[in-house]
Protein backbone atom coordinates (compact mmCIF):
# COMPACT_ATOMS: atom_id res chain seq x y z
CA UNK A 1 102.23 78.02 116.54
CA UNK A 2 101.29 78.36 112.88
CA UNK A 3 101.70 75.11 110.98
CA UNK A 4 102.81 75.05 107.31
CA UNK A 5 100.21 74.25 104.67
CA UNK A 6 100.74 73.02 101.14
CA UNK A 7 99.85 76.19 99.23
CA UNK A 8 101.17 77.13 95.83
CA UNK A 9 102.00 75.64 92.46
CA UNK A 10 104.97 75.15 90.20
CA UNK A 11 105.65 77.29 87.16
CA UNK A 12 105.67 75.06 84.11
CA UNK A 13 107.98 75.26 81.12
CA UNK A 14 106.97 75.26 77.48
CA UNK A 15 108.06 72.75 74.84
CA UNK A 16 111.37 74.59 74.44
CA UNK A 17 112.13 74.63 78.17
CA UNK A 18 111.28 78.28 78.88
CA UNK A 19 109.60 79.12 82.19
CA UNK A 20 105.99 80.28 81.84
CA UNK A 21 104.80 82.95 84.32
CA UNK A 22 101.41 82.39 85.93
CA UNK A 23 100.52 85.98 86.83
CA UNK A 24 97.46 87.72 85.38
CA UNK A 25 95.32 90.72 86.25
CA UNK A 26 92.20 88.57 86.37
CA UNK A 27 93.84 86.46 89.08
CA UNK A 28 93.94 89.45 91.43
CA UNK A 29 90.87 88.82 93.58
CA UNK A 30 88.27 91.45 94.41
CA UNK A 31 89.56 91.51 97.98
CA UNK A 32 93.05 92.59 96.90
CA UNK A 33 92.17 94.74 93.90
CA UNK A 34 91.52 97.97 95.90
CA UNK A 35 94.97 97.69 97.46
CA UNK A 36 96.57 97.22 94.04
CA UNK A 37 94.65 100.16 92.57
CA UNK A 38 95.58 102.36 95.54
CA UNK A 39 99.30 101.72 95.23
CA UNK A 40 99.37 102.00 91.43
CA UNK A 41 97.43 105.26 91.43
CA UNK A 42 99.75 106.74 94.06
CA UNK A 43 102.92 105.71 92.22
CA UNK A 44 101.80 106.81 88.77
CA UNK A 45 100.98 110.30 90.05
CA UNK A 46 104.68 110.88 90.65
CA UNK A 47 106.93 112.37 88.02
CA UNK A 48 109.41 110.10 86.29
CA UNK A 49 107.71 106.78 87.13
CA UNK A 50 107.97 104.61 84.05
CA UNK A 51 106.42 101.30 85.12
CA UNK A 52 104.71 99.56 88.04
CA UNK A 53 104.71 95.79 88.62
CA UNK A 54 103.45 93.44 91.29
CA UNK A 55 104.86 90.01 92.09
CA UNK A 56 104.18 87.24 94.58
CA UNK A 57 100.94 85.57 95.60
CA UNK A 58 98.52 88.40 94.75
CA UNK A 59 98.86 88.33 90.92
CA UNK A 60 98.88 84.52 91.06
CA UNK A 61 95.54 84.35 92.86
CA UNK A 62 97.12 82.66 95.89
CA UNK A 63 97.07 85.48 98.45
CA UNK A 64 95.86 84.67 101.99
CA UNK A 65 94.61 87.45 104.25
CA UNK A 66 96.87 88.10 107.21
CA UNK A 67 99.72 86.00 105.79
CA UNK A 68 100.49 87.23 102.27
CA UNK A 69 102.80 90.11 101.45
CA UNK A 70 102.15 92.70 98.77
CA UNK A 71 105.33 93.25 96.75
CA UNK A 72 105.37 96.15 94.29
CA UNK A 73 108.23 97.14 91.99
CA UNK A 74 108.35 100.43 90.14
CA UNK A 75 110.88 101.88 87.73
CA UNK A 76 112.19 105.42 88.18
CA UNK A 77 115.52 107.22 88.18
CA UNK A 78 114.29 109.57 90.93
CA UNK A 79 114.64 108.79 94.63
CA UNK A 80 111.29 108.58 96.41
CA UNK A 81 112.43 106.88 99.64
CA UNK A 82 110.43 109.10 101.99
CA UNK A 83 107.34 108.94 99.79
CA UNK A 84 107.64 105.15 99.53
CA UNK A 85 107.69 104.83 103.32
CA UNK A 86 104.64 107.05 103.67
CA UNK A 87 102.80 105.09 100.99
CA UNK A 88 103.62 101.77 102.68
CA UNK A 89 102.28 103.05 106.00
CA UNK A 90 99.14 104.47 104.41
CA UNK A 91 98.44 101.26 102.53
CA UNK A 92 98.93 99.08 105.61
CA UNK A 93 96.58 101.30 107.60
CA UNK A 94 93.91 101.27 104.89
CA UNK A 95 94.30 97.55 104.15
CA UNK A 96 95.17 95.88 107.49
CA UNK A 97 94.73 92.36 106.08
CA UNK A 98 98.11 92.70 104.32
CA UNK A 99 100.88 90.94 106.24
CA UNK A 100 103.62 93.19 104.89
CA UNK A 101 103.65 95.70 102.09
CA UNK A 102 106.87 96.41 100.21
CA UNK A 103 107.48 99.01 97.54
CA UNK A 104 110.80 98.68 95.74
CA UNK A 105 112.23 101.20 93.29
CA UNK A 106 114.30 100.04 90.35
CA UNK A 107 116.55 102.26 88.29
CA UNK A 108 118.50 101.28 85.22
CA UNK A 109 121.67 100.47 87.18
CA UNK A 110 119.88 98.09 89.55
CA UNK A 111 117.82 96.60 86.76
CA UNK A 112 120.83 95.67 84.65
CA UNK A 113 123.19 94.62 87.44
CA UNK A 114 124.57 91.09 87.15
CA UNK A 115 125.40 89.26 90.39
CA UNK A 116 128.34 86.85 90.11
CA UNK A 117 128.38 83.91 89.38
CA UNK A 118 125.30 84.50 87.25
CA UNK A 119 125.53 85.89 83.74
CA UNK A 120 122.15 87.60 83.47
CA UNK A 121 120.62 90.31 85.68
CA UNK A 122 118.49 89.11 88.58
CA UNK A 123 115.75 91.68 88.00
CA UNK A 124 115.46 90.71 84.35
CA UNK A 125 114.56 87.23 85.57
CA UNK A 126 112.18 88.49 88.23
CA UNK A 127 110.21 90.70 85.85
CA UNK A 128 110.18 88.17 83.02
CA UNK A 129 109.09 85.13 85.00
CA UNK A 130 107.22 86.29 88.11
CA UNK A 131 105.92 89.86 87.78
CA UNK A 132 102.74 91.42 86.41
CA UNK A 133 102.80 94.80 84.69
CA UNK A 134 100.16 97.07 86.24
CA UNK A 135 100.89 100.40 84.56
CA UNK A 136 103.38 102.06 82.24
CA UNK A 137 105.93 100.59 79.85
CA UNK A 138 106.53 96.84 79.87
CA UNK A 139 110.27 96.55 80.49
CA UNK A 140 110.08 92.76 80.32
CA UNK A 141 108.78 92.46 76.77
CA UNK A 142 112.22 92.67 75.17
CA UNK A 143 114.00 90.48 77.72
CA UNK A 144 115.06 87.05 76.53
CA UNK A 145 113.15 84.24 78.21
CA UNK A 146 114.61 82.09 80.99
CA UNK A 147 115.06 78.37 81.45
CA UNK A 148 115.21 76.55 84.77
CA UNK A 149 118.81 76.71 85.92
CA UNK A 150 121.46 78.91 87.57
CA UNK A 151 120.17 82.12 85.99
CA UNK A 152 116.96 81.70 88.02
CA UNK A 153 118.70 81.33 91.39
CA UNK A 154 117.68 84.04 93.84
CA UNK A 155 119.10 82.80 97.12
CA UNK A 156 121.55 79.89 97.03
CA UNK A 157 124.62 81.74 95.74
CA UNK A 158 124.37 84.53 98.34
CA UNK A 159 123.01 82.55 101.28
CA UNK A 160 126.30 81.75 103.05
CA UNK A 161 127.42 85.40 103.04
CA UNK A 162 124.04 86.61 104.23
CA UNK A 163 124.00 84.04 107.00
CA UNK A 164 127.48 85.04 108.13
CA UNK A 165 126.39 88.65 108.58
CA UNK A 166 123.39 87.79 110.80
CA UNK A 167 125.21 88.42 114.11
CA UNK A 168 126.29 91.87 112.92
CA UNK A 169 122.76 92.72 111.77
CA UNK A 170 121.29 91.57 115.06
CA UNK A 171 123.87 93.51 117.09
CA UNK A 172 122.51 96.73 115.59
CA UNK A 173 119.29 96.08 117.51
CA UNK A 174 120.98 96.02 120.94
CA UNK A 175 119.93 99.55 121.85
CA UNK A 176 116.39 99.30 120.53
CA UNK A 177 113.44 99.25 122.95
CA UNK A 178 112.72 95.69 124.06
CA UNK A 179 109.44 95.23 122.20
CA UNK A 180 110.77 96.77 118.98
CA UNK A 181 113.87 94.58 119.17
CA UNK A 182 111.77 91.44 119.62
CA UNK A 183 109.66 92.28 116.56
CA UNK A 184 112.74 93.05 114.46
CA UNK A 185 114.49 89.84 115.53
CA UNK A 186 111.42 87.75 114.72
CA UNK A 187 111.18 89.39 111.30
CA UNK A 188 114.86 88.67 110.67
CA UNK A 189 114.44 85.01 111.65
CA UNK A 190 111.52 84.61 109.27
CA UNK A 191 113.45 86.35 106.49
CA UNK A 192 116.56 84.17 106.65
CA UNK A 193 114.44 81.03 107.10
CA UNK A 194 112.57 81.78 103.87
CA UNK A 195 115.85 82.20 102.05
CA UNK A 196 117.13 78.87 103.35
CA UNK A 197 113.98 77.00 102.29
CA UNK A 198 114.04 78.55 98.82
CA UNK A 199 117.75 77.83 98.49
CA UNK A 200 116.86 74.23 99.28
CA UNK A 201 114.71 74.12 96.17
CA UNK A 202 117.27 75.95 94.06
CA UNK A 203 120.01 73.36 94.63
CA UNK A 204 117.66 70.78 93.10
CA UNK A 205 116.39 72.84 90.17
CA UNK A 206 118.84 71.33 87.68
CA UNK A 207 117.08 68.01 88.28
CA UNK A 208 113.54 69.22 87.49
CA UNK A 209 111.57 70.86 84.71
CA UNK A 210 109.64 73.37 86.79
CA UNK A 211 110.18 76.33 89.11
CA UNK A 212 108.68 77.70 92.32
CA UNK A 213 109.23 80.13 95.16
CA UNK A 214 106.29 78.73 97.15
CA UNK A 215 107.73 77.67 100.48
CA UNK A 216 105.99 74.35 101.04
CA UNK A 217 106.74 73.18 97.51
CA UNK A 218 110.38 74.20 97.98
CA UNK A 219 110.56 72.14 101.17
CA UNK A 220 108.78 69.23 99.52
CA UNK A 221 111.12 69.04 96.53
CA UNK A 222 114.24 69.44 98.67
CA UNK A 223 113.02 66.54 100.82
CA UNK A 224 112.60 64.31 97.78
CA UNK A 225 116.28 64.70 96.88
CA UNK A 226 117.66 64.94 100.43
CA UNK A 227 115.35 62.85 102.64
CA UNK A 228 117.87 62.69 105.48
CA UNK A 229 117.60 66.47 105.84
CA UNK A 230 113.83 66.67 105.45
CA UNK A 231 113.06 66.97 109.15
CA UNK A 232 115.40 69.90 109.66
CA UNK A 233 114.10 71.68 106.57
CA UNK A 234 110.55 71.27 107.87
CA UNK A 235 111.64 72.93 111.11
CA UNK A 236 113.00 75.85 109.10
CA UNK A 237 109.80 75.97 107.03
CA UNK A 238 107.85 76.29 110.29
CA UNK A 239 110.20 79.07 111.37
CA UNK A 240 109.34 80.98 108.19
CA UNK A 241 105.85 81.40 109.64
CA UNK A 242 106.64 81.83 113.34
CA UNK A 243 110.18 83.15 113.73
CA UNK A 244 110.70 81.46 117.11
CA UNK A 245 113.99 79.64 116.42
CA UNK A 246 117.39 81.25 116.43
CA UNK A 247 118.67 80.61 112.88
CA UNK A 248 122.28 80.24 114.05
CA UNK A 249 121.49 76.55 114.62
CA UNK A 250 121.07 76.14 110.83
CA UNK A 251 124.73 76.86 110.09
CA UNK A 252 125.63 73.32 108.99
CA UNK A 253 122.70 73.15 106.57
CA UNK A 254 123.56 76.57 105.12
CA UNK A 255 127.12 75.38 104.51
CA UNK A 256 125.76 72.26 102.81
CA UNK A 257 123.44 74.30 100.55
CA UNK A 258 126.26 76.63 99.58
CA UNK A 259 128.36 73.61 98.59
CA UNK A 260 125.50 72.03 96.63
CA UNK A 261 124.84 75.27 94.76
CA UNK A 262 128.21 74.95 93.04
CA UNK A 263 126.89 71.97 91.08
CA UNK A 264 124.34 74.26 89.44
CA UNK A 265 127.13 76.08 87.66
CA UNK A 266 128.34 72.84 86.11
CA UNK A 267 124.91 71.77 84.87
């Protein structure tokens, strides 16, 4: 079993309270730079691609071989779903040290969509605070900066609904081959566990002056404010890495986090 390690750092705020991103091209290590160049070159050869960004551990200089994902975002009004899948497979074959490679296309409608109860678009926040422009036009330059608070929530407001749909998502795997179903179920367990741990940080963010998505730091801060629930959150943190536990057992904690998230709207 893989044990959690304290990896990551908080994003600081400036003297006015605005979150300061910590991504930079010179933080992309030599090990990961060929992967980045490969994906950017492939995307920018397409017609109608306006911008390419990367987010996550790679542009922060925190990537770990075999564990870190590579998350790319590009902006285009054209649908390249088949090409994106082929590029993901080619990149994973060429760079096998990547845990998972994701290429996500944004168009104007997705970019500007506001998810209730927030008042600002999620992707505006993601590009402004956590993403590094690699090529093309910088869509984030004219976006108003963000402060720590409800507009930076990525998980807590939607967690209860996502958790409730888990049985339906898992039922779609019933007819899959056994090995494929096991892999998909493990991936799903890791995915929802990550969202729970990050939601745990988010329900405390109105009591801090920093921000993070780094899993251990999320667990650590949640435990400071809710010590009675620390042990269970550590179990979920471990499940983020291993995917062995059935997440249905976390229902009570998910309900608690959903309730606590309402206080963010009053802060």
